[in-house]
């Protein structure tokens, strides 16, 4: 079995050739702005048709679909929390997004996955806090599950990339 790994890259997630890309989706799974809109545009109309059969998705959960026209073979749709100051369940729900997505990767026998920075766009989650949760949660999953998964954190900006690289360098 291949060893698990984590890295961060500056890229357009819709161009990555991985077993799965994670979509920072909304509850309907029917497309939206940001990463969600980009994934739906590139994957094509069959993704929307497929998502209509799923009945939406709860915050902190994830669902898997084919990748259709994407280089990635699958899309894992997860709904991150909207930031309300951090006094609610935002950290728990954000960690759940990463954990549930990785569970779907493992359950489907996939070996590589790319994550966007979930909830840090229009949902307003502070990037520095989100990066710590993302890296810590993924690291814990990879160690506990011994899954042999290659995880890529796909960053939208050089600033985000620097935060992920700094956090990945810890430990």
Foldseek 3Di string as FASTA:
>chain_A
DAAEAEAEDADLQQADQFQEEEAQDAQQLQADDDSRPVQDVQQDDVSNVVSNVVNGDDQLAWDKDASRRGSHGIYIYHHAAQDPPPPDCRLVSLLSRLVNSVVVCQVVVTAEYEYEQHCVPPSPDPLLVSLLSNVVSVVVCCVVVVRNHYYYYHYNDPVSNVSNVVNSPDD
